[in-house]
Amino acid sequence: MDLVLTLLSWSLLLCGAFFFIAGTVGLLRFPDIYCRLHAVTKADTLGLGLLLPGLALQADSPDRLGTLLLVWLLVMGSGATACQMLARYARETEAPVDDP
């Protein structure tokens, strides 16, 4: 049973890291700010959503689970707020949009 939990935990951690890397590639490759914001926020949300359960499987106390939950809540709130503020600023300053 311990081996199964370890394998599941590591697979969640690796999948989460993959989505963080994919978001970074999207940030570097997409043409305009709106596409970049979309790539980063979606990939980071999914990446964190996979990393935290992977870490929770390795947690040794309820305190650590509470800390992980608090981290998740803070990152979700701050990520959404930051994305909204950046998109609003881009719209107000009429940032160029790359139309294909």
N, C-alpha and C. Protein backbone atom coordinates (compact mmCIF):
# COMPACT_ATOMS: atom_id res chain seq x y z
N MET A 1 0.83 -1.20 0.00
CA MET A 1 0.00 0.00 0.00
C MET A 1 0.87 1.26 0.00
N ASP A 2 1.98 1.18 0.73
CA ASP A 2 2.87 2.33 0.79
C ASP A 2 3.48 2.63 -0.58
N LEU A 3 3.80 1.60 -1.33
CA LEU A 3 4.36 1.78 -2.66
C LEU A 3 3.34 2.42 -3.60
N VAL A 4 2.09 2.02 -3.49
CA VAL A 4 1.03 2.57 -4.34
C VAL A 4 0.85 4.06 -4.07
N LEU A 5 0.83 4.45 -2.79
CA LEU A 5 0.69 5.87 -2.44
C LEU A 5 1.89 6.68 -2.91
N THR A 6 3.07 6.11 -2.80
CA THR A 6 4.27 6.80 -3.26
C THR A 6 4.24 6.99 -4.77
N LEU A 7 3.87 5.96 -5.50
CA LEU A 7 3.79 6.08 -6.96
C LEU A 7 2.72 7.07 -7.39
N LEU A 8 1.57 7.04 -6.73
CA LEU A 8 0.50 7.98 -7.04
C LEU A 8 0.94 9.41 -6.74
N SER A 9 1.59 9.59 -5.60
CA SER A 9 2.07 10.91 -5.22
C SER A 9 3.07 11.45 -6.25
N TRP A 10 4.04 10.63 -6.62
CA TRP A 10 5.04 11.08 -7.58
C TRP A 10 4.45 11.32 -8.97
N SER A 11 3.49 10.52 -9.35
CA SER A 11 2.87 10.76 -10.66
C SER A 11 2.09 12.08 -10.66
N LEU A 12 1.40 12.40 -9.56
CA LEU A 12 0.72 13.69 -9.46
C LEU A 12 1.71 14.84 -9.47
N LEU A 13 2.82 14.68 -8.76
CA LEU A 13 3.84 15.73 -8.72
C LEU A 13 4.45 15.96 -10.10
N LEU A 14 4.74 14.89 -10.81
CA LEU A 14 5.32 15.04 -12.15
C LEU A 14 4.34 15.64 -13.14
N CYS A 15 3.08 15.24 -13.06
CA CYS A 15 2.07 15.84 -13.95
C CYS A 15 1.88 17.32 -13.64
N GLY A 16 1.87 17.67 -12.37
CA GLY A 16 1.77 19.08 -11.98
C GLY A 16 2.95 19.89 -12.49
N ALA A 17 4.15 19.34 -12.37
CA ALA A 17 5.34 20.03 -12.88
C ALA A 17 5.26 20.19 -14.40
N PHE A 18 4.73 19.19 -15.09
CA PHE A 18 4.57 19.29 -16.54
C PHE A 18 3.66 20.47 -16.90
N PHE A 19 2.56 20.64 -16.18
CA PHE A 19 1.66 21.75 -16.50
C PHE A 19 2.28 23.11 -16.18
N PHE A 20 3.09 23.18 -15.13
CA PHE A 20 3.81 24.42 -14.86
C PHE A 20 4.78 24.75 -15.99
N ILE A 21 5.48 23.74 -16.49
CA ILE A 21 6.41 23.95 -17.60
C ILE A 21 5.64 24.34 -18.86
N ALA A 22 4.51 23.70 -19.11
CA ALA A 22 3.69 24.05 -20.27
C ALA A 22 3.19 25.48 -20.19
N GLY A 23 2.82 25.94 -19.00
CA GLY A 23 2.40 27.33 -18.83
C GLY A 23 3.53 28.30 -19.09
N THR A 24 4.73 27.93 -18.69
CA THR A 24 5.89 28.78 -18.94
C THR A 24 6.20 28.85 -20.43
N VAL A 25 6.09 27.74 -21.12
CA VAL A 25 6.29 27.74 -22.58
C VAL A 25 5.23 28.61 -23.25
N GLY A 26 3.98 28.52 -22.80
CA GLY A 26 2.92 29.37 -23.34
C GLY A 26 3.19 30.84 -23.09
N LEU A 27 3.72 31.15 -21.92
CA LEU A 27 4.07 32.54 -21.60
C LEU A 27 5.13 33.07 -22.55
N LEU A 28 6.06 32.24 -22.90
CA LEU A 28 7.15 32.68 -23.78
C LEU A 28 6.77 32.66 -25.26
N ARG A 29 5.84 31.80 -25.66
CA ARG A 29 5.58 31.60 -27.08
C ARG A 29 4.36 32.31 -27.63
N PHE A 30 3.34 32.56 -26.81
CA PHE A 30 2.11 33.15 -27.33
C PHE A 30 2.32 34.61 -27.70
N PRO A 31 1.55 35.10 -28.68
CA PRO A 31 1.85 36.40 -29.28
C PRO A 31 1.43 37.62 -28.47
N ASP A 32 0.30 37.58 -27.79
CA ASP A 32 -0.15 38.80 -27.10
C ASP A 32 -0.43 38.51 -25.63
N ILE A 33 -0.70 39.58 -24.90
CA ILE A 33 -0.83 39.47 -23.45
C ILE A 33 -2.03 38.63 -23.04
N TYR A 34 -3.11 38.69 -23.79
CA TYR A 34 -4.31 37.93 -23.42
C TYR A 34 -4.08 36.43 -23.55
N CYS A 35 -3.44 36.01 -24.62
CA CYS A 35 -3.11 34.59 -24.79
C CYS A 35 -2.13 34.13 -23.72
N ARG A 36 -1.17 34.98 -23.41
CA ARG A 36 -0.19 34.63 -22.38
C ARG A 36 -0.84 34.50 -21.01
N LEU A 37 -1.72 35.42 -20.69
CA LEU A 37 -2.43 35.33 -19.41
C LEU A 37 -3.26 34.06 -19.33
N HIS A 38 -3.91 33.73 -20.42
CA HIS A 38 -4.73 32.52 -20.45
C HIS A 38 -3.87 31.28 -20.22
N ALA A 39 -2.74 31.21 -20.92
CA ALA A 39 -1.87 30.04 -20.80
C ALA A 39 -1.33 29.90 -19.39
N VAL A 40 -0.88 31.00 -18.82
CA VAL A 40 -0.27 30.92 -17.50
C VAL A 40 -1.29 30.59 -16.43
N THR A 41 -2.42 31.26 -16.44
CA THR A 41 -3.38 31.02 -15.35
C THR A 41 -4.01 29.63 -15.44
N LYS A 42 -4.34 29.18 -16.62
CA LYS A 42 -4.96 27.85 -16.73
C LYS A 42 -3.96 26.75 -16.39
N ALA A 43 -2.76 26.84 -16.92
CA ALA A 43 -1.76 25.81 -16.66
C ALA A 43 -1.31 25.81 -15.21
N ASP A 44 -1.15 26.98 -14.62
CA ASP A 44 -0.74 27.04 -13.22
C ASP A 44 -1.83 26.55 -12.29
N THR A 45 -3.07 26.83 -12.61
CA THR A 45 -4.17 26.34 -11.79
C THR A 45 -4.22 24.82 -11.82
N LEU A 46 -4.10 24.25 -12.99
CA LEU A 46 -4.11 22.80 -13.10
C LEU A 46 -2.85 22.20 -12.50
N GLY A 47 -1.71 22.84 -12.72
CA GLY A 47 -0.46 22.35 -12.14
C GLY A 47 -0.51 22.32 -10.62
N LEU A 48 -1.01 23.39 -10.03
CA LEU A 48 -1.14 23.42 -8.57
C LEU A 48 -2.18 22.43 -8.10
N GLY A 49 -3.24 22.27 -8.88
CA GLY A 49 -4.27 21.30 -8.53
C GLY A 49 -3.77 19.87 -8.54
N LEU A 50 -2.70 19.61 -9.25
CA LEU A 50 -2.09 18.28 -9.24
C LEU A 50 -0.96 18.17 -8.22
N LEU A 51 -0.23 19.25 -8.02
CA LEU A 51 0.87 19.22 -7.06
C LEU A 51 0.40 19.06 -5.62
N LEU A 52 -0.62 19.80 -5.25
CA LEU A 52 -1.05 19.77 -3.86
C LEU A 52 -1.59 18.41 -3.41
N PRO A 53 -2.41 17.72 -4.21
CA PRO A 53 -2.79 16.36 -3.78
C PRO A 53 -1.58 15.41 -3.71
N GLY A 54 -0.62 15.62 -4.62
CA GLY A 54 0.59 14.81 -4.55
C GLY A 54 1.37 15.04 -3.26
N LEU A 55 1.43 16.30 -2.84
CA LEU A 55 2.08 16.60 -1.57
C LEU A 55 1.23 16.15 -0.38
N ALA A 56 -0.09 16.23 -0.51
CA ALA A 56 -0.97 15.81 0.58
C ALA A 56 -0.83 14.32 0.86
N LEU A 57 -0.57 13.53 -0.18
CA LEU A 57 -0.37 12.10 0.04
C LEU A 57 0.89 11.82 0.83
N GLN A 58 1.84 12.74 0.81
CA GLN A 58 3.08 12.57 1.56
C GLN A 58 3.05 13.27 2.91
N ALA A 59 1.99 14.00 3.20
CA ALA A 59 1.91 14.74 4.46
C ALA A 59 1.83 13.77 5.63
N ASP A 60 2.53 14.12 6.70
CA ASP A 60 2.58 13.22 7.85
C ASP A 60 1.71 13.69 9.02
N SER A 61 1.05 14.84 8.88
CA SER A 61 0.20 15.31 9.97
C SER A 61 -0.94 16.16 9.41
N PRO A 62 -2.01 16.29 10.18
CA PRO A 62 -3.12 17.15 9.74
C PRO A 62 -2.73 18.62 9.62
N ASP A 63 -1.72 19.03 10.39
CA ASP A 63 -1.25 20.41 10.28
C ASP A 63 -0.71 20.71 8.88
N ARG A 64 0.01 19.77 8.34
CA ARG A 64 0.56 19.97 6.99
C ARG A 64 -0.56 20.00 5.95
N LEU A 65 -1.58 19.20 6.14
CA LEU A 65 -2.73 19.25 5.22
C LEU A 65 -3.42 20.60 5.30
N GLY A 66 -3.55 21.14 6.50
CA GLY A 66 -4.13 22.47 6.66
C GLY A 66 -3.29 23.54 5.99
N THR A 67 -1.98 23.40 6.09
CA THR A 67 -1.08 24.35 5.44
C THR A 67 -1.22 24.28 3.93
N LEU A 68 -1.31 23.07 3.39
CA LEU A 68 -1.48 22.91 1.95
C LEU A 68 -2.81 23.51 1.49
N LEU A 69 -3.85 23.32 2.27
CA LEU A 69 -5.15 23.90 1.93
C LEU A 69 -5.08 25.42 1.95
N LEU A 70 -4.40 25.98 2.94
CA LEU A 70 -4.25 27.43 3.01
C LEU A 70 -3.45 27.97 1.82
N VAL A 71 -2.39 27.28 1.46
CA VAL A 71 -1.60 27.68 0.29
C VAL A 71 -2.47 27.65 -0.96
N TRP A 72 -3.26 26.60 -1.12
CA TRP A 72 -4.13 26.49 -2.29
C TRP A 72 -5.11 27.65 -2.36
N LEU A 73 -5.74 27.97 -1.23
CA LEU A 73 -6.72 29.06 -1.21
C LEU A 73 -6.06 30.40 -1.54
N LEU A 74 -4.90 30.66 -0.97
CA LEU A 74 -4.21 31.93 -1.22
C LEU A 74 -3.75 32.05 -2.67
N VAL A 75 -3.21 30.99 -3.21
CA VAL A 75 -2.73 31.04 -4.60
C VAL A 75 -3.90 31.18 -5.58
N MET A 76 -4.99 30.49 -5.33
CA MET A 76 -6.15 30.62 -6.22
C MET A 76 -6.70 32.04 -6.20
N GLY A 77 -6.81 32.61 -5.03
CA GLY A 77 -7.33 33.98 -4.93
C GLY A 77 -6.39 35.01 -5.52
N SER A 78 -5.11 34.89 -5.21
CA SER A 78 -4.16 35.89 -5.71
C SER A 78 -3.91 35.73 -7.21
N GLY A 79 -3.90 34.50 -7.71
CA GLY A 79 -3.69 34.29 -9.14
C GLY A 79 -4.82 34.86 -9.98
N ALA A 80 -6.05 34.62 -9.55
CA ALA A 80 -7.20 35.14 -10.28
C ALA A 80 -7.24 36.67 -10.22
N THR A 81 -6.93 37.22 -9.06
CA THR A 81 -6.93 38.68 -8.91
C THR A 81 -5.84 39.32 -9.76
N ALA A 82 -4.65 38.76 -9.74
CA ALA A 82 -3.55 39.32 -10.52
C ALA A 82 -3.84 39.24 -12.02
N CYS A 83 -4.40 38.14 -12.48
CA CYS A 83 -4.74 38.00 -13.90
C CYS A 83 -5.78 39.01 -14.31
N GLN A 84 -6.78 39.20 -13.47
CA GLN A 84 -7.84 40.16 -13.79
C GLN A 84 -7.28 41.57 -13.85
N MET A 85 -6.40 41.91 -12.92
CA MET A 85 -5.82 43.25 -12.90
C MET A 85 -4.92 43.49 -14.12
N LEU A 86 -4.14 42.49 -14.50
CA LEU A 86 -3.29 42.62 -15.68
C LEU A 86 -4.12 42.75 -16.95
N ALA A 87 -5.18 41.96 -17.06
CA ALA A 87 -6.04 42.05 -18.25
C ALA A 87 -6.74 43.39 -18.32
N ARG A 88 -7.18 43.91 -17.18
CA ARG A 88 -7.83 45.22 -17.17
C ARG A 88 -6.84 46.31 -17.59
N TYR A 89 -5.62 46.24 -17.07
CA TYR A 89 -4.61 47.23 -17.45
C TYR A 89 -4.29 47.13 -18.94
N ALA A 90 -4.20 45.92 -19.46
CA ALA A 90 -3.92 45.75 -20.89
C ALA A 90 -5.04 46.33 -21.73
N ARG A 91 -6.28 46.14 -21.30
CA ARG A 91 -7.41 46.69 -22.04
C ARG A 91 -7.43 48.21 -21.97
N GLU A 92 -7.16 48.77 -20.79
CA GLU A 92 -7.19 50.22 -20.63
C GLU A 92 -6.08 50.91 -21.41
N THR A 93 -4.93 50.26 -21.53
CA THR A 93 -3.82 50.85 -22.28
C THR A 93 -3.85 50.44 -23.75
N GLU A 94 -4.90 49.73 -24.13
CA GLU A 94 -5.08 49.27 -25.51
C GLU A 94 -3.87 48.49 -26.02
N ALA A 95 -3.52 47.46 -25.25
CA ALA A 95 -2.42 46.59 -25.65
C ALA A 95 -2.76 45.92 -26.98
N PRO A 96 -1.78 45.77 -27.85
CA PRO A 96 -2.07 45.18 -29.16
C PRO A 96 -2.50 43.72 -29.04
N VAL A 97 -3.46 43.37 -29.88
CA VAL A 97 -3.96 41.99 -29.95
C VAL A 97 -3.53 41.43 -31.29
N ASP A 98 -2.94 40.26 -31.27
CA ASP A 98 -2.48 39.63 -32.50
C ASP A 98 -3.62 38.84 -33.11
N ASP A 99 -4.23 39.38 -34.16
CA ASP A 99 -5.31 38.69 -34.86
C ASP A 99 -4.72 37.86 -35.99
N PRO A 100 -4.98 36.55 -35.98
CA PRO A 100 -4.41 35.71 -37.05
C PRO A 100 -5.09 35.93 -38.38
